[in-house]
Amino acid sequence: MTKLTTHVLDVYSGKPGQGILVELFYLNNSERKKITSIKLNDDGRASSPLVEGNIFVKGKYELVFYIGDYFKNISSVSDVPFLDDVVIRFGISDPSQHYHVPLLVSPWSYSTYRGS
């Protein structure tokens, strides 16, 4: 179960965040290393873990959800969205566990938590 997963729920439309671009980075002091870049599936989920196994290590990570582009495609939000890229930085203290980082999002707000 040693992996990192995510999903997005669009609370504005009441649907999964289909097609949202998500990037995952590993942070090591001033170095920011990209691990993966994916688009969420029809269920608003990554089709496979973002990182798993021996690549999934203890440390600081960053997820970037490109929700500005998503909401421009499904709604009539402004050319300059209130929320554009949602950046979530979090720590992994025990990479032998499954970490799940969900995002609940609208054009004007977001919320996250450690899921299961």
Protein backbone atom coordinates (compact mmCIF):
# COMPACT_ATOMS: atom_id res chain seq x y z
CA MET A 1 0.00 0.00 0.00
CA THR A 2 3.02 2.32 -0.19
CA LYS A 3 1.74 4.94 -2.61
CA LEU A 4 0.38 8.44 -3.15
CA THR A 5 -2.99 9.01 -4.81
CA THR A 6 -5.32 11.96 -5.44
CA HIS A 7 -8.72 12.91 -6.74
CA VAL A 8 -10.66 16.14 -7.34
CA LEU A 9 -14.32 16.84 -6.67
CA ASP A 10 -15.77 19.93 -8.34
CA VAL A 11 -18.26 21.28 -5.80
CA TYR A 12 -19.30 24.04 -8.26
CA SER A 13 -20.84 21.60 -10.75
CA GLY A 14 -21.23 18.64 -8.41
CA LYS A 15 -19.08 16.43 -10.64
CA PRO A 16 -15.62 14.83 -10.58
CA GLY A 17 -12.75 17.06 -11.77
CA GLN A 18 -12.38 15.31 -15.12
CA GLY A 19 -9.34 16.25 -17.22
CA ILE A 20 -7.60 18.46 -14.63
CA LEU A 21 -3.83 18.58 -15.11
CA VAL A 22 -1.92 17.64 -11.93
CA GLU A 23 1.84 17.75 -11.37
CA LEU A 24 3.74 16.20 -8.47
CA PHE A 25 7.12 17.49 -7.25
CA TYR A 26 9.58 16.33 -4.60
CA LEU A 27 11.11 19.21 -2.60
CA ASN A 28 14.65 18.94 -1.27
CA ASN A 29 15.79 22.24 0.25
CA SER A 30 15.80 24.64 -2.74
CA GLU A 31 15.55 21.85 -5.33
CA ARG A 32 12.13 21.10 -6.85
CA LYS A 33 12.14 17.83 -8.82
CA LYS A 34 9.14 16.89 -10.99
CA ILE A 35 8.04 13.30 -10.42
CA THR A 36 5.01 13.12 -12.69
CA SER A 37 2.39 15.02 -14.65
CA ILE A 38 -1.05 13.49 -15.25
CA LYS A 39 -4.60 14.36 -16.31
CA LEU A 40 -7.39 13.12 -14.09
CA ASN A 41 -9.73 10.51 -15.56
CA ASP A 42 -13.54 10.69 -15.99
CA ASP A 43 -13.93 9.93 -12.29
CA GLY A 44 -11.65 12.85 -11.30
CA ARG A 45 -8.93 10.43 -10.21
CA ALA A 46 -5.42 9.58 -11.30
CA SER A 47 -5.63 6.28 -13.20
CA SER A 48 -2.60 4.99 -11.29
CA PRO A 49 -0.68 6.11 -8.18
CA LEU A 50 1.26 9.37 -8.58
CA VAL A 51 4.27 7.71 -6.97
CA GLU A 52 4.75 4.33 -5.34
CA GLY A 53 7.26 1.75 -4.20
CA ASN A 54 10.89 2.68 -3.57
CA ILE A 55 10.48 6.04 -5.39
CA PHE A 56 8.00 7.10 -2.69
CA VAL A 57 10.30 8.39 0.05
CA LYS A 58 10.06 10.39 3.26
CA GLY A 59 10.10 14.14 2.71
CA LYS A 60 8.26 17.18 1.42
CA TYR A 61 6.06 17.06 -1.69
CA GLU A 62 4.05 19.51 -3.75
CA LEU A 63 0.94 18.86 -5.82
CA VAL A 64 -0.12 21.48 -8.37
CA PHE A 65 -3.71 21.31 -9.62
CA TYR A 66 -4.35 23.49 -12.69
CA ILE A 67 -7.96 24.32 -11.90
CA GLY A 68 -8.01 27.71 -13.65
CA ASP A 69 -7.86 26.03 -17.06
CA TYR A 70 -10.47 23.47 -15.96
CA PHE A 71 -13.01 26.11 -14.89
CA LYS A 72 -12.39 28.20 -18.03
CA ASN A 73 -13.49 25.15 -20.04
CA ILE A 74 -16.67 24.35 -18.09
CA SER A 75 -17.94 27.75 -16.88
CA SER A 76 -18.00 31.44 -17.67
CA VAL A 77 -15.38 32.50 -15.12
CA SER A 78 -13.25 35.57 -15.82
CA ASP A 79 -10.14 35.52 -18.01
CA VAL A 80 -8.26 36.21 -14.78
CA PRO A 81 -9.63 33.55 -12.44
CA PHE A 82 -9.75 34.05 -8.69
CA LEU A 83 -8.07 30.65 -8.24
CA ASP A 84 -5.71 29.46 -10.96
CA ASP A 85 -3.12 26.91 -9.82
CA VAL A 86 -3.85 25.29 -6.47
CA VAL A 87 -0.57 24.31 -4.81
CA ILE A 88 -0.61 21.88 -1.89
CA ARG A 89 2.65 21.24 -0.02
CA PHE A 90 2.66 18.35 2.40
CA GLY A 91 5.01 16.01 4.20
CA ILE A 92 5.38 12.24 4.05
CA SER A 93 6.66 10.90 7.35
CA ASP A 94 6.05 7.18 6.74
CA PRO A 95 6.27 6.16 3.06
CA SER A 96 5.26 2.59 3.95
CA GLN A 97 1.67 3.89 4.22
CA HIS A 98 -0.88 4.91 1.60
CA TYR A 99 -1.31 8.69 1.44
CA HIS A 100 -4.33 10.12 -0.39
CA VAL A 101 -4.63 13.87 -1.03
CA PRO A 102 -8.13 14.81 -2.26
CA LEU A 103 -9.09 18.29 -3.41
CA LEU A 104 -12.58 19.79 -3.17
CA VAL A 105 -12.68 22.82 -5.45
CA SER A 106 -14.81 25.61 -6.91
CA PRO A 107 -13.74 28.68 -8.89
CA TRP A 108 -13.51 30.60 -5.57
CA SER A 109 -12.45 28.09 -2.91
CA TYR A 110 -10.73 24.80 -2.15
CA SER A 111 -10.25 22.35 0.66
CA THR A 112 -8.00 19.37 1.16
CA TYR A 113 -7.24 16.73 3.78
CA ARG A 114 -5.36 13.47 4.20
CA GLY A 115 -7.74 10.83 2.96
CA SER A 116 -7.58 7.07 2.98
